[in-house]
Amino acid sequence: MSLFRKIFGLKDNSEEHIKSEERGKYMPEIKLPIDERFTINFKANGGKFLYCENMQEVHQSLKNILEENKWSDKYVLVLDEKLKEIFKNFDLNCTRKASESTYFLSTCEHLISDDGSLLISSNQIAEKKLKDLPPNFIIFATTSQFVENIGEGLRGIKGKNREKIPTNITTIKHFKTLEEKDFLTYGSSSKNLYLLLLEDL
């Protein structure tokens, strides 16, 4: 851009529309929308993502998951009474014993965009540890549950539960078997996880 253009504020359209791939290596990254970042990170963690525009699609997706894995007649751990009502047409073999169940059907507190993890608390898992829950998870969540990071998620939990803040708050991040354990994954419990995400915004 010439000196006269800088002084008089004349715009050079060719410089205005620089494509992202032509940006310098020291330029800040273009930040993707929160839902896109979550999807990319969630899939990188090994999660299976099913986007649903309405409850009919949620029911169809759950039906497909149960048929694909042959879980229709297996015991399911359901700790949330609202979920039993939402999926009452499925005649699920519900149990409250983790040891006899094949999969866990639950909600979550928030979907963490920065690392593709799910924030859960005692509202979903009571006082159980992740390692004591079944290896297969089906999580029902909505697009309004996206947050940037864990800090924002924790503030959201506190804001929703002012009278009694839930305990046992943790994240589920590893959704595939970890072949090689290192110090970053030590103590984490990997789960085969399906996310049924309902559009509610």
Protein backbone atom coordinates (compact mmCIF):
# COMPACT_ATOMS: atom_id res chain seq x y z
CA MET A 1 0.00 0.00 0.00
CA SER A 2 1.45 3.41 -0.96
CA LEU A 3 2.11 6.24 1.49
CA PHE A 4 -0.68 8.38 -0.04
CA ARG A 5 -3.21 5.62 0.43
CA LYS A 6 -2.20 5.29 4.10
CA ILE A 7 -2.47 9.05 4.70
CA PHE A 8 -5.78 9.60 2.90
CA GLY A 9 -7.37 6.34 3.98
CA LEU A 10 -8.05 5.02 0.49
CA LYS A 11 -8.75 1.31 0.63
CA ASP A 12 -7.04 -1.19 -1.58
CA ASN A 13 -9.61 -3.95 -2.17
CA SER A 14 -7.00 -6.45 -3.28
CA GLU A 15 -5.37 -6.32 0.17
CA GLU A 16 -8.67 -6.30 2.04
CA HIS A 17 -9.66 -9.83 1.04
CA ILE A 18 -6.60 -11.90 1.87
CA LYS A 19 -7.46 -15.57 1.91
CA SER A 20 -6.76 -17.44 5.13
CA GLU A 21 -4.16 -19.70 3.48
CA GLU A 22 -2.22 -16.61 2.36
CA ARG A 23 -1.99 -15.21 5.90
CA GLY A 24 1.48 -14.94 7.40
CA LYS A 25 2.65 -17.66 9.77
CA TYR A 26 2.72 -15.18 12.68
CA MET A 27 -0.85 -14.01 12.16
CA PRO A 28 -3.32 -15.26 14.78
CA GLU A 29 -5.35 -18.32 13.82
CA ILE A 30 -8.87 -17.74 12.56
CA LYS A 31 -11.05 -19.11 15.35
CA LEU A 32 -13.67 -21.60 14.22
CA PRO A 33 -17.21 -21.38 15.65
CA ILE A 34 -17.66 -23.13 19.01
CA ASP A 35 -19.76 -26.00 17.60
CA GLU A 36 -17.29 -26.74 14.78
CA ARG A 37 -14.34 -26.80 17.17
CA PHE A 38 -16.18 -29.17 19.49
CA THR A 39 -17.07 -31.51 16.62
CA ILE A 40 -13.48 -31.65 15.33
CA ASN A 41 -12.00 -32.26 18.80
CA PHE A 42 -14.72 -34.73 19.81
CA LYS A 43 -14.14 -36.85 16.70
CA ALA A 44 -10.36 -36.65 17.23
CA ASN A 45 -10.96 -38.10 20.72
CA GLY A 46 -12.75 -41.05 19.09
CA GLY A 47 -16.37 -40.04 19.77
CA LYS A 48 -19.29 -40.88 17.50
CA PHE A 49 -21.35 -37.80 16.74
CA LEU A 50 -25.02 -37.84 15.64
CA TYR A 51 -26.58 -34.45 14.92
CA CYS A 52 -30.39 -34.37 15.19
CA GLU A 53 -32.71 -31.53 14.17
CA ASN A 54 -35.68 -32.79 16.20
CA MET A 55 -36.75 -35.46 18.69
CA GLN A 56 -37.90 -37.78 15.90
CA GLU A 57 -34.30 -37.89 14.60
CA VAL A 58 -33.01 -38.44 18.16
CA HIS A 59 -35.30 -41.47 18.53
CA GLN A 60 -34.28 -42.82 15.11
CA SER A 61 -30.58 -42.40 15.93
CA LEU A 62 -30.96 -44.19 19.26
CA LYS A 63 -32.82 -47.01 17.51
CA ASN A 64 -29.97 -47.33 14.98
CA ILE A 65 -27.33 -47.41 17.74
CA LEU A 66 -29.18 -50.15 19.63
CA GLU A 67 -29.66 -52.23 16.47
CA GLU A 68 -26.08 -51.77 15.25
CA ASN A 69 -24.62 -52.92 18.57
CA LYS A 70 -27.33 -55.52 19.33
CA TRP A 71 -28.14 -53.78 22.63
CA SER A 72 -31.95 -53.82 22.33
CA ASP A 73 -32.37 -56.61 24.89
CA LYS A 74 -29.34 -55.69 27.04
CA TYR A 75 -29.49 -53.94 30.41
CA VAL A 76 -28.97 -50.17 30.35
CA LEU A 77 -27.87 -48.05 33.30
CA VAL A 78 -30.18 -45.02 33.53
CA LEU A 79 -29.87 -42.77 36.57
CA ASP A 80 -31.93 -39.87 35.16
CA GLU A 81 -35.71 -40.32 35.49
CA LYS A 82 -36.35 -37.65 32.80
CA LEU A 83 -34.48 -39.77 30.25
CA LYS A 84 -36.68 -42.77 31.05
CA GLU A 85 -39.67 -40.59 30.19
CA ILE A 86 -38.09 -39.22 26.98
CA PHE A 87 -37.27 -42.73 25.70
CA LYS A 88 -40.24 -44.60 27.22
CA ASN A 89 -41.31 -45.96 23.80
CA PHE A 90 -38.12 -48.00 23.58
CA ASP A 91 -39.00 -50.43 26.40
CA LEU A 92 -35.44 -50.17 27.70
CA ASN A 93 -34.24 -52.81 30.18
CA CYS A 94 -33.30 -50.21 32.78
CA THR A 95 -31.23 -51.02 35.83
CA ARG A 96 -29.48 -48.98 38.51
CA LYS A 97 -26.65 -51.53 38.80
CA ALA A 98 -23.61 -50.60 36.72
CA SER A 99 -22.16 -54.12 37.02
CA GLU A 100 -25.00 -55.78 35.07
CA SER A 101 -25.48 -53.12 32.38
CA THR A 102 -24.01 -53.09 28.87
CA TYR A 103 -24.35 -49.37 28.25
CA PHE A 104 -25.04 -46.11 30.08
CA LEU A 105 -27.70 -43.68 28.86
CA SER A 106 -27.27 -40.18 30.25
CA THR A 107 -27.20 -36.44 29.73
CA CYS A 108 -24.23 -34.17 30.47
CA GLU A 109 -23.69 -30.71 31.95
CA HIS A 110 -21.77 -29.12 29.07
CA LEU A 111 -19.91 -29.85 25.82
CA ILE A 112 -16.38 -28.41 26.04
CA SER A 113 -15.31 -26.95 22.69
CA ASP A 114 -11.58 -26.50 23.41
CA ASP A 115 -10.83 -30.21 23.87
CA GLY A 116 -13.98 -32.03 22.69
CA SER A 117 -14.77 -33.41 26.14
CA LEU A 118 -18.05 -33.75 28.04
CA LEU A 119 -18.49 -32.22 31.49
CA ILE A 120 -20.57 -34.36 33.83
CA SER A 121 -21.41 -34.26 37.53
CA SER A 122 -23.32 -36.07 40.25
CA ASN A 123 -26.50 -34.94 38.43
CA GLN A 124 -25.67 -37.61 35.82
CA ILE A 125 -23.50 -40.21 37.55
CA ALA A 126 -24.43 -39.77 41.24
CA GLU A 127 -21.29 -40.60 43.24
CA LYS A 128 -20.02 -43.30 40.86
CA LYS A 129 -16.53 -43.19 39.38
CA LEU A 130 -16.14 -43.28 35.59
CA LYS A 131 -14.23 -46.58 35.74
CA ASP A 132 -17.20 -48.21 37.54
CA LEU A 133 -19.65 -47.30 34.76
CA PRO A 134 -20.28 -49.49 31.67
CA PRO A 135 -17.75 -49.19 28.81
CA ASN A 136 -20.42 -47.93 26.37
CA PHE A 137 -22.03 -44.48 26.73
CA ILE A 138 -24.93 -42.89 24.88
CA ILE A 139 -25.12 -39.21 25.83
CA PHE A 140 -28.12 -37.03 24.97
CA ALA A 141 -27.25 -33.31 24.79
CA THR A 142 -28.42 -30.10 23.12
CA THR A 143 -26.61 -27.38 21.15
CA SER A 144 -27.29 -24.86 23.95
CA GLN A 145 -24.84 -26.83 26.13
CA PHE A 146 -21.73 -25.76 24.15
CA VAL A 147 -19.14 -23.81 26.15
CA GLU A 148 -15.63 -22.66 25.23
CA ASN A 149 -13.69 -24.28 28.07
CA ILE A 150 -13.95 -26.11 31.41
CA GLY A 151 -13.90 -22.84 33.38
CA GLU A 152 -16.98 -21.60 31.53
CA GLY A 153 -18.64 -24.98 32.06
CA LEU A 154 -17.99 -24.87 35.81
CA ARG A 155 -19.47 -21.36 36.01
CA GLY A 156 -22.50 -22.66 34.12
CA ILE A 157 -22.98 -25.51 36.61
CA LYS A 158 -22.70 -23.08 39.52
CA GLY A 159 -25.17 -20.68 37.90
CA LYS A 160 -27.79 -23.39 37.29
CA ASN A 161 -27.48 -24.95 40.76
CA ARG A 162 -27.19 -22.01 43.16
CA GLU A 163 -28.93 -23.80 46.07
CA LYS A 164 -26.92 -27.00 45.85
CA ILE A 165 -23.84 -27.25 43.64
CA PRO A 166 -23.41 -30.83 42.36
CA THR A 167 -20.40 -32.85 43.42
CA ASN A 168 -18.34 -35.45 41.53
CA ILE A 169 -17.68 -33.06 38.61
CA THR A 170 -15.45 -34.61 35.94
CA THR A 171 -14.87 -34.71 32.20
CA ILE A 172 -15.06 -37.62 29.78
CA LYS A 173 -12.44 -37.12 27.11
CA HIS A 174 -11.19 -40.48 25.81
CA PHE A 175 -13.73 -42.30 23.65
CA LYS A 176 -11.57 -45.07 22.28
CA THR A 177 -9.30 -47.71 23.73
CA LEU A 178 -5.96 -46.23 24.63
CA GLU A 179 -3.32 -48.53 23.18
CA GLU A 180 -0.40 -46.66 24.71
CA LYS A 181 -0.84 -45.13 28.11
CA ASP A 182 1.34 -42.16 28.96
CA PHE A 183 1.35 -39.78 31.90
CA LEU A 184 -1.31 -37.59 30.24
CA THR A 185 -3.81 -40.44 29.98
CA TYR A 186 -2.89 -42.15 33.27
CA GLY A 187 -5.98 -42.86 35.34
CA SER A 188 -8.40 -41.86 32.58
CA SER A 189 -11.16 -44.25 31.69
CA SER A 190 -11.80 -44.60 27.94
CA LYS A 191 -15.40 -45.12 26.81
CA ASN A 192 -17.09 -46.11 23.58
CA LEU A 193 -19.23 -42.98 23.31
CA TYR A 194 -22.15 -41.93 21.11
CA LEU A 195 -23.40 -38.34 21.32
CA LEU A 196 -27.00 -37.62 20.31
CA LEU A 197 -26.95 -33.84 19.80
CA LEU A 198 -30.32 -32.12 19.48
CA GLU A 199 -30.54 -28.68 17.83
CA ASP A 200 -32.37 -26.42 20.30
CA LEU A 201 -31.15 -22.93 19.38
